[in-house]
Amino acid sequence: MQSQGTETEAQVAAIIEELKGLEGPLLPILHGVQEEFGYVPTEALPVIAEALNLSKAEVHGVVTFYHDYRSQPAGRHVLKLCQAEACQSMGSDAIAAQVKAALGVDFHQTAADGSVTLEPVYCLGLCACAPAAMLDGEVIGRVDADTIAEITAEVRT
């Protein structure tokens, strides 16, 4: 029976094998790992580094630089709130405060019950419908207090 670390490393190695032939394979590999596990496990970093002839620090630097990569599993739902200028001008700060209070979390945190992870994003392409959010990959425009109440009820069920 394989240990959890060895099993994870084997799964990461399979992802690397599939994608290492791409030009600039690091980002696709990291996306593949996150798709497989829901986050990028720490034990994946040295496996990726060795396969791509990079230092562990280089791989770690990429994972921590890009906000879409997680180092911990996300909640059952992922709520992203746009914090770009257009959304800010339309009240995204107040929306963010309302969401944080309703869910009891801050950005980059997961609710204690594991129901939802709250993340900031810096443009969803809905500037004309600001403020915008994304719940589990579905974009939502013109977010207001009523929308937040609906989203909060949905992620808590």
N, C-alpha and C. Protein backbone atom coordinates (compact mmCIF):
# COMPACT_ATOMS: atom_id res chain seq x y z
N MET A 1 0.85 -1.19 0.00
CA MET A 1 0.00 0.00 0.00
C MET A 1 0.89 1.24 0.00
N GLN A 2 0.60 2.18 -0.91
CA GLN A 2 1.40 3.40 -1.00
C GLN A 2 0.98 4.38 0.09
N SER A 3 1.96 5.14 0.57
CA SER A 3 1.63 6.20 1.51
C SER A 3 0.97 7.34 0.75
N GLN A 4 0.30 8.23 1.48
CA GLN A 4 -0.40 9.36 0.84
C GLN A 4 0.58 10.21 0.04
N GLY A 5 1.77 10.49 0.59
CA GLY A 5 2.75 11.31 -0.12
C GLY A 5 3.21 10.66 -1.41
N THR A 6 3.49 9.35 -1.36
CA THR A 6 3.92 8.63 -2.55
C THR A 6 2.82 8.58 -3.60
N GLU A 7 1.58 8.39 -3.16
CA GLU A 7 0.44 8.37 -4.08
C GLU A 7 0.28 9.73 -4.75
N THR A 8 0.39 10.79 -3.98
CA THR A 8 0.30 12.15 -4.52
C THR A 8 1.41 12.38 -5.53
N GLU A 9 2.62 11.99 -5.16
CA GLU A 9 3.76 12.17 -6.06
C GLU A 9 3.57 11.40 -7.36
N ALA A 10 2.99 10.22 -7.28
CA ALA A 10 2.74 9.42 -8.48
C ALA A 10 1.70 10.10 -9.37
N GLN A 11 0.67 10.67 -8.78
CA GLN A 11 -0.35 11.38 -9.56
C GLN A 11 0.25 12.62 -10.21
N VAL A 12 1.11 13.33 -9.48
CA VAL A 12 1.77 14.51 -10.03
C VAL A 12 2.69 14.11 -11.18
N ALA A 13 3.42 13.02 -11.00
CA ALA A 13 4.32 12.54 -12.05
C ALA A 13 3.55 12.21 -13.32
N ALA A 14 2.36 11.64 -13.19
CA ALA A 14 1.53 11.32 -14.36
C ALA A 14 1.10 12.60 -15.08
N ILE A 15 0.75 13.61 -14.32
CA ILE A 15 0.36 14.90 -14.92
C ILE A 15 1.55 15.52 -15.64
N ILE A 16 2.70 15.47 -15.01
CA ILE A 16 3.93 16.01 -15.62
C ILE A 16 4.22 15.28 -16.93
N GLU A 17 4.15 13.96 -16.89
CA GLU A 17 4.44 13.16 -18.09
C GLU A 17 3.53 13.56 -19.25
N GLU A 18 2.28 13.81 -18.94
CA GLU A 18 1.31 14.19 -19.97
C GLU A 18 1.58 15.57 -20.57
N LEU A 19 2.09 16.49 -19.76
CA LEU A 19 2.18 17.90 -20.18
C LEU A 19 3.59 18.44 -20.38
N LYS A 20 4.61 17.67 -20.03
CA LYS A 20 5.97 18.22 -20.07
C LYS A 20 6.47 18.55 -21.47
N GLY A 21 5.84 17.99 -22.50
CA GLY A 21 6.26 18.27 -23.87
C GLY A 21 5.77 19.60 -24.41
N LEU A 22 4.89 20.25 -23.67
CA LEU A 22 4.40 21.56 -24.11
C LEU A 22 5.49 22.61 -23.98
N GLU A 23 5.39 23.65 -24.78
CA GLU A 23 6.31 24.76 -24.63
C GLU A 23 5.91 25.52 -23.37
N GLY A 24 6.86 25.77 -22.49
CA GLY A 24 6.55 26.43 -21.22
C GLY A 24 5.60 25.60 -20.38
N PRO A 25 5.98 24.39 -19.99
CA PRO A 25 5.04 23.46 -19.36
C PRO A 25 4.69 23.74 -17.90
N LEU A 26 5.39 24.63 -17.22
CA LEU A 26 5.17 24.80 -15.79
C LEU A 26 3.73 25.19 -15.46
N LEU A 27 3.21 26.22 -16.10
CA LEU A 27 1.84 26.66 -15.78
C LEU A 27 0.80 25.60 -16.12
N PRO A 28 0.86 24.97 -17.30
CA PRO A 28 -0.11 23.89 -17.55
C PRO A 28 -0.01 22.75 -16.53
N ILE A 29 1.19 22.41 -16.12
CA ILE A 29 1.35 21.35 -15.12
C ILE A 29 0.72 21.78 -13.80
N LEU A 30 0.97 23.01 -13.37
CA LEU A 30 0.38 23.49 -12.12
C LEU A 30 -1.15 23.51 -12.21
N HIS A 31 -1.67 23.93 -13.36
CA HIS A 31 -3.13 23.89 -13.55
C HIS A 31 -3.64 22.46 -13.47
N GLY A 32 -2.93 21.54 -14.09
CA GLY A 32 -3.33 20.14 -14.05
C GLY A 32 -3.32 19.58 -12.65
N VAL A 33 -2.30 19.93 -11.88
CA VAL A 33 -2.20 19.47 -10.49
C VAL A 33 -3.36 20.04 -9.68
N GLN A 34 -3.62 21.33 -9.85
CA GLN A 34 -4.72 21.94 -9.09
C GLN A 34 -6.07 21.36 -9.51
N GLU A 35 -6.23 21.06 -10.77
CA GLU A 35 -7.47 20.45 -11.23
C GLU A 35 -7.65 19.06 -10.60
N GLU A 36 -6.56 18.34 -10.47
CA GLU A 36 -6.61 16.98 -9.91
C GLU A 36 -6.90 16.99 -8.41
N PHE A 37 -6.24 17.88 -7.67
CA PHE A 37 -6.34 17.87 -6.21
C PHE A 37 -7.21 18.98 -5.63
N GLY A 38 -7.51 20.00 -6.42
CA GLY A 38 -8.24 21.15 -5.92
C GLY A 38 -7.32 22.22 -5.34
N TYR A 39 -6.03 21.91 -5.30
CA TYR A 39 -4.99 22.83 -4.84
C TYR A 39 -3.65 22.25 -5.28
N VAL A 40 -2.56 22.97 -5.04
CA VAL A 40 -1.23 22.47 -5.38
C VAL A 40 -0.57 22.02 -4.08
N PRO A 41 -0.54 20.70 -3.84
CA PRO A 41 0.07 20.21 -2.60
C PRO A 41 1.56 20.53 -2.52
N THR A 42 2.03 20.81 -1.33
CA THR A 42 3.44 21.13 -1.12
C THR A 42 4.35 20.02 -1.64
N GLU A 43 3.94 18.77 -1.45
CA GLU A 43 4.79 17.66 -1.88
C GLU A 43 4.89 17.55 -3.40
N ALA A 44 4.06 18.30 -4.14
CA ALA A 44 4.14 18.30 -5.60
C ALA A 44 5.29 19.17 -6.09
N LEU A 45 5.67 20.18 -5.33
CA LEU A 45 6.66 21.14 -5.80
C LEU A 45 8.01 20.53 -6.14
N PRO A 46 8.61 19.70 -5.27
CA PRO A 46 9.90 19.12 -5.64
C PRO A 46 9.81 18.15 -6.83
N VAL A 47 8.69 17.47 -6.98
CA VAL A 47 8.50 16.55 -8.10
C VAL A 47 8.49 17.36 -9.41
N ILE A 48 7.76 18.45 -9.41
CA ILE A 48 7.68 19.32 -10.59
C ILE A 48 9.04 19.95 -10.87
N ALA A 49 9.68 20.44 -9.84
CA ALA A 49 10.99 21.09 -10.00
C ALA A 49 12.00 20.14 -10.63
N GLU A 50 12.07 18.95 -10.11
CA GLU A 50 13.04 17.98 -10.63
C GLU A 50 12.73 17.63 -12.09
N ALA A 51 11.47 17.41 -12.40
CA ALA A 51 11.09 17.02 -13.76
C ALA A 51 11.39 18.11 -14.78
N LEU A 52 11.29 19.37 -14.37
CA LEU A 52 11.49 20.49 -15.29
C LEU A 52 12.86 21.13 -15.15
N ASN A 53 13.72 20.54 -14.31
CA ASN A 53 15.06 21.06 -14.07
C ASN A 53 15.02 22.50 -13.56
N LEU A 54 14.11 22.72 -12.60
CA LEU A 54 13.97 24.02 -11.95
C LEU A 54 14.27 23.84 -10.47
N SER A 55 14.52 24.93 -9.78
CA SER A 55 14.67 24.83 -8.33
C SER A 55 13.29 24.79 -7.68
N LYS A 56 13.23 24.24 -6.49
CA LYS A 56 11.96 24.24 -5.75
C LYS A 56 11.51 25.67 -5.51
N ALA A 57 12.47 26.58 -5.29
CA ALA A 57 12.13 27.98 -5.06
C ALA A 57 11.46 28.61 -6.28
N GLU A 58 11.92 28.23 -7.48
CA GLU A 58 11.30 28.78 -8.70
C GLU A 58 9.85 28.32 -8.82
N VAL A 59 9.61 27.05 -8.57
CA VAL A 59 8.24 26.53 -8.67
C VAL A 59 7.38 27.16 -7.58
N HIS A 60 7.90 27.22 -6.37
CA HIS A 60 7.17 27.85 -5.26
C HIS A 60 6.85 29.31 -5.59
N GLY A 61 7.80 30.01 -6.18
CA GLY A 61 7.59 31.41 -6.54
C GLY A 61 6.45 31.59 -7.52
N VAL A 62 6.34 30.70 -8.49
CA VAL A 62 5.24 30.78 -9.46
C VAL A 62 3.91 30.49 -8.77
N VAL A 63 3.88 29.47 -7.92
CA VAL A 63 2.64 29.10 -7.23
C VAL A 63 2.16 30.25 -6.35
N THR A 64 3.07 30.91 -5.66
CA THR A 64 2.66 31.99 -4.76
C THR A 64 2.42 33.31 -5.49
N PHE A 65 2.99 33.47 -6.68
CA PHE A 65 2.80 34.71 -7.43
C PHE A 65 1.39 34.79 -8.01
N TYR A 66 0.91 33.69 -8.57
CA TYR A 66 -0.40 33.68 -9.21
C TYR A 66 -1.48 33.35 -8.20
N HIS A 67 -2.47 34.23 -8.08
CA HIS A 67 -3.52 34.09 -7.07
C HIS A 67 -4.46 32.91 -7.33
N ASP A 68 -4.50 32.41 -8.55
CA ASP A 68 -5.41 31.30 -8.83
C ASP A 68 -4.94 29.97 -8.26
N TYR A 69 -3.66 29.88 -7.94
CA TYR A 69 -3.16 28.63 -7.35
C TYR A 69 -3.39 28.66 -5.85
N ARG A 70 -3.88 27.54 -5.33
CA ARG A 70 -4.13 27.43 -3.89
C ARG A 70 -3.14 26.46 -3.26
N SER A 71 -2.76 26.74 -2.03
CA SER A 71 -1.89 25.81 -1.30
C SER A 71 -2.69 24.96 -0.32
N GLN A 72 -3.98 25.23 -0.22
CA GLN A 72 -4.90 24.46 0.62
C GLN A 72 -6.16 24.17 -0.19
N PRO A 73 -6.86 23.10 0.12
CA PRO A 73 -8.10 22.82 -0.61
C PRO A 73 -9.12 23.95 -0.42
N ALA A 74 -9.88 24.22 -1.48
CA ALA A 74 -10.94 25.23 -1.40
C ALA A 74 -12.18 24.61 -0.79
N GLY A 75 -13.13 25.46 -0.45
CA GLY A 75 -14.42 24.99 0.05
C GLY A 75 -15.22 24.34 -1.06
N ARG A 76 -16.40 23.85 -0.72
CA ARG A 76 -17.26 23.22 -1.72
C ARG A 76 -17.64 24.21 -2.82
N HIS A 77 -17.73 25.48 -2.48
CA HIS A 77 -18.01 26.54 -3.44
C HIS A 77 -16.86 27.54 -3.39
N VAL A 78 -16.61 28.18 -4.52
CA VAL A 78 -15.61 29.26 -4.58
C VAL A 78 -16.31 30.50 -5.08
N LEU A 79 -16.29 31.54 -4.25
CA LEU A 79 -16.89 32.82 -4.60
C LEU A 79 -15.77 33.82 -4.82
N LYS A 80 -15.74 34.37 -6.03
CA LYS A 80 -14.73 35.38 -6.37
C LYS A 80 -15.44 36.72 -6.54
N LEU A 81 -14.91 37.73 -5.89
CA LEU A 81 -15.46 39.08 -6.00
C LEU A 81 -14.47 39.97 -6.73
N CYS A 82 -14.94 40.66 -7.76
CA CYS A 82 -14.07 41.54 -8.51
C CYS A 82 -13.71 42.76 -7.67
N GLN A 83 -12.42 43.06 -7.66
CA GLN A 83 -11.91 44.21 -6.92
C GLN A 83 -11.23 45.22 -7.84
N ALA A 84 -11.44 45.09 -9.14
CA ALA A 84 -10.84 46.01 -10.11
C ALA A 84 -11.52 47.38 -10.02
N GLU A 85 -10.92 48.35 -10.68
CA GLU A 85 -11.35 49.73 -10.57
C GLU A 85 -12.81 49.95 -10.96
N ALA A 86 -13.27 49.36 -12.05
CA ALA A 86 -14.66 49.57 -12.48
C ALA A 86 -15.62 49.07 -11.41
N CYS A 87 -15.33 47.91 -10.84
CA CYS A 87 -16.21 47.37 -9.80
C CYS A 87 -16.10 48.19 -8.51
N GLN A 88 -14.90 48.65 -8.21
CA GLN A 88 -14.74 49.51 -7.03
C GLN A 88 -15.58 50.77 -7.17
N SER A 89 -15.58 51.34 -8.36
CA SER A 89 -16.34 52.59 -8.56
C SER A 89 -17.85 52.36 -8.45
N MET A 90 -18.27 51.11 -8.55
CA MET A 90 -19.69 50.78 -8.45
C MET A 90 -20.05 50.11 -7.12
N GLY A 91 -19.14 50.17 -6.15
CA GLY A 91 -19.47 49.71 -4.81
C GLY A 91 -19.01 48.33 -4.40
N SER A 92 -17.99 47.80 -5.06
CA SER A 92 -17.53 46.45 -4.71
C SER A 92 -16.98 46.37 -3.30
N ASP A 93 -16.44 47.46 -2.77
CA ASP A 93 -15.93 47.43 -1.39
C ASP A 93 -17.05 47.14 -0.39
N ALA A 94 -18.20 47.78 -0.59
CA ALA A 94 -19.34 47.54 0.29
C ALA A 94 -19.86 46.12 0.12
N ILE A 95 -19.88 45.64 -1.11
CA ILE A 95 -20.31 44.26 -1.38
C ILE A 95 -19.37 43.29 -0.69
N ALA A 96 -18.07 43.53 -0.81
CA ALA A 96 -17.08 42.65 -0.17
C ALA A 96 -17.27 42.64 1.34
N ALA A 97 -17.50 43.80 1.94
CA ALA A 97 -17.71 43.86 3.39
C ALA A 97 -18.96 43.08 3.79
N GLN A 98 -20.01 43.19 2.99
CA GLN A 98 -21.24 42.46 3.27
C GLN A 98 -21.01 40.94 3.17
N VAL A 99 -20.30 40.50 2.14
CA VAL A 99 -20.02 39.07 1.96
C VAL A 99 -19.16 38.55 3.10
N LYS A 100 -18.12 39.29 3.45
CA LYS A 100 -17.23 38.86 4.52
C LYS A 100 -17.99 38.70 5.83
N ALA A 101 -18.87 39.65 6.12
CA ALA A 101 -19.66 39.58 7.35
C ALA A 101 -20.65 38.41 7.31
N ALA A 102 -21.29 38.21 6.17
CA ALA A 102 -22.29 37.15 6.05
C ALA A 102 -21.66 35.76 6.15
N LEU A 103 -20.48 35.61 5.57
CA LEU A 103 -19.83 34.30 5.55
C LEU A 103 -18.86 34.08 6.70
N GLY A 104 -18.46 35.16 7.37
CA GLY A 104 -17.51 35.04 8.47
C GLY A 104 -16.10 34.70 8.02
N VAL A 105 -15.74 35.14 6.81
CA VAL A 105 -14.40 34.91 6.28
C VAL A 105 -13.87 36.18 5.64
N ASP A 106 -12.56 36.19 5.43
CA ASP A 106 -11.92 37.28 4.69
C ASP A 106 -11.46 36.69 3.36
N PHE A 107 -10.91 37.54 2.50
CA PHE A 107 -10.36 37.04 1.25
C PHE A 107 -9.30 35.98 1.54
N HIS A 108 -9.22 34.98 0.69
CA HIS A 108 -8.26 33.87 0.78
C HIS A 108 -8.55 32.94 1.94
N GLN A 109 -9.76 32.97 2.46
CA GLN A 109 -10.12 32.08 3.56
C GLN A 109 -11.31 31.21 3.17
N THR A 110 -11.41 30.09 3.87
CA THR A 110 -12.51 29.16 3.69
C THR A 110 -13.32 29.13 4.97
N ALA A 111 -14.63 29.11 4.84
CA ALA A 111 -15.52 29.06 6.00
C ALA A 111 -15.20 27.82 6.83
N ALA A 112 -15.39 27.94 8.14
CA ALA A 112 -15.07 26.85 9.06
C ALA A 112 -15.79 25.55 8.71
N ASP A 113 -16.99 25.67 8.14
CA ASP A 113 -17.73 24.46 7.76
C ASP A 113 -17.34 23.92 6.38
N GLY A 114 -16.36 24.57 5.73
CA GLY A 114 -15.88 24.11 4.43
C GLY A 114 -16.81 24.41 3.28
N SER A 115 -17.82 25.25 3.53
CA SER A 115 -18.82 25.50 2.49
C SER A 115 -18.34 26.40 1.36
N VAL A 116 -17.50 27.38 1.67
CA VAL A 116 -17.14 28.37 0.64
C VAL A 116 -15.76 28.96 0.91
N THR A 117 -15.07 29.23 -0.18
CA THR A 117 -13.80 29.96 -0.13
C THR A 117 -14.04 31.29 -0.82
N LEU A 118 -13.58 32.37 -0.21
CA LEU A 118 -13.76 33.72 -0.76
C LEU A 118 -12.43 34.21 -1.33
N GLU A 119 -12.46 34.63 -2.60
CA GLU A 119 -11.24 35.08 -3.26
C GLU A 119 -11.48 36.40 -3.99
N PRO A 120 -10.49 37.29 -3.95
CA PRO A 120 -10.58 38.49 -4.78
C PRO A 120 -10.09 38.17 -6.19
N VAL A 121 -10.67 38.82 -7.18
CA VAL A 121 -10.16 38.76 -8.55
C VAL A 121 -10.07 40.19 -9.05
N TYR A 122 -9.31 40.38 -10.11
CA TYR A 122 -9.06 41.74 -10.56
C TYR A 122 -9.49 41.94 -12.00
N CYS A 123 -10.59 41.38 -12.37
CA CYS A 123 -11.40 41.66 -13.55
C CYS A 123 -12.02 40.37 -14.03
N LEU A 124 -13.32 40.40 -14.14
CA LEU A 124 -14.09 39.28 -14.67
C LEU A 124 -14.63 39.61 -16.06
N GLY A 125 -14.30 40.79 -16.57
CA GLY A 125 -14.75 41.18 -17.89
C GLY A 125 -16.20 41.64 -17.94
N LEU A 126 -16.75 41.97 -16.78
CA LEU A 126 -18.13 42.45 -16.72
C LEU A 126 -18.18 43.91 -16.27
N CYS A 127 -17.24 44.69 -16.72
CA CYS A 127 -17.12 46.07 -16.25
C CYS A 127 -18.42 46.87 -16.44
N ALA A 128 -19.13 46.61 -17.52
CA ALA A 128 -20.38 47.32 -17.79
C ALA A 128 -21.50 46.87 -16.85
N CYS A 129 -21.29 45.76 -16.17
CA CYS A 129 -22.30 45.22 -15.25
C CYS A 129 -21.76 45.17 -13.82
N ALA A 130 -20.89 46.12 -13.49
CA ALA A 130 -20.24 46.14 -12.18
C ALA A 130 -21.24 46.48 -11.08
N PRO A 131 -20.97 46.02 -9.85
CA PRO A 131 -19.90 45.11 -9.46
C PRO A 131 -20.22 43.66 -9.85
N ALA A 132 -19.13 42.90 -10.05
CA ALA A 132 -19.28 41.54 -10.56
C ALA A 132 -18.71 40.52 -9.59
N ALA A 133 -19.21 39.30 -9.73
CA ALA A 133 -18.74 38.18 -8.92
C ALA A 133 -18.74 36.94 -9.79
N MET A 134 -18.14 35.88 -9.27
CA MET A 134 -18.16 34.59 -9.94
C MET A 134 -18.35 33.53 -8.86
N LEU A 135 -19.37 32.72 -9.02
CA LEU A 135 -19.64 31.63 -8.08
C LEU A 135 -19.48 30.32 -8.83
N ASP A 136 -18.49 29.54 -8.43
CA ASP A 136 -18.23 28.23 -9.04
C ASP A 136 -18.15 28.31 -10.56
N GLY A 137 -17.49 29.37 -11.06
CA GLY A 137 -17.27 29.51 -12.49
C GLY A 137 -18.37 30.24 -13.24
N GLU A 138 -19.47 30.56 -12.57
CA GLU A 138 -20.58 31.28 -13.21
C GLU A 138 -20.50 32.75 -12.85
N VAL A 139 -20.40 33.62 -13.86
CA VAL A 139 -20.28 35.05 -13.61
C VAL A 139 -21.64 35.65 -13.27
N ILE A 140 -21.61 36.64 -12.40
CA ILE A 140 -22.82 37.31 -11.94
C ILE A 140 -22.55 38.81 -12.01
N GLY A 141 -23.37 39.54 -12.73
CA GLY A 141 -23.21 40.98 -12.85
C GLY A 141 -24.21 41.73 -11.99
N ARG A 142 -23.91 43.01 -11.80
CA ARG A 142 -24.77 43.90 -11.02
C ARG A 142 -25.10 43.33 -9.64
N VAL A 143 -24.07 42.90 -8.96
CA VAL A 143 -24.23 42.31 -7.63
C VAL A 143 -24.68 43.39 -6.65
N ASP A 144 -25.72 43.08 -5.88
CA ASP A 144 -26.20 44.01 -4.86
C ASP A 144 -26.50 43.23 -3.58
N ALA A 145 -27.09 43.89 -2.60
CA ALA A 145 -27.36 43.25 -1.31
C ALA A 145 -28.26 42.02 -1.46
N ASP A 146 -29.25 42.10 -2.33
CA ASP A 146 -30.15 40.97 -2.54
C ASP A 146 -29.40 39.79 -3.17
N THR A 147 -28.54 40.09 -4.13
CA THR A 147 -27.75 39.04 -4.78
C THR A 147 -26.86 38.35 -3.76
N ILE A 148 -26.24 39.14 -2.89
CA ILE A 148 -25.36 38.57 -1.86
C ILE A 148 -26.16 37.67 -0.93
N ALA A 149 -27.36 38.07 -0.57
CA ALA A 149 -28.19 37.23 0.30
C ALA A 149 -28.50 35.90 -0.38
N GLU A 150 -28.79 35.93 -1.70
CA GLU A 150 -29.06 34.71 -2.45
C GLU A 150 -27.82 33.82 -2.52
N ILE A 151 -26.67 34.44 -2.83
CA ILE A 151 -25.42 33.68 -2.92
C ILE A 151 -25.08 33.04 -1.58
N THR A 152 -25.21 33.80 -0.51
CA THR A 152 -24.89 33.29 0.82
C THR A 152 -25.77 32.11 1.17
N ALA A 153 -27.06 32.21 0.87
CA ALA A 153 -27.98 31.09 1.14
C ALA A 153 -27.60 29.87 0.30
N GLU A 154 -27.22 30.09 -0.95
CA GLU A 154 -26.87 28.98 -1.85
C GLU A 154 -25.62 28.24 -1.38
N VAL A 155 -24.60 28.98 -0.98
CA VAL A 155 -23.34 28.31 -0.59
C VAL A 155 -23.41 27.64 0.76
N ARG A 156 -24.37 28.03 1.56
CA ARG A 156 -24.51 27.43 2.89
C ARG A 156 -25.35 26.16 2.89
N THR A 157 -26.01 25.85 1.75
CA THR A 157 -26.84 24.64 1.71
C THR A 157 -26.06 23.46 1.18
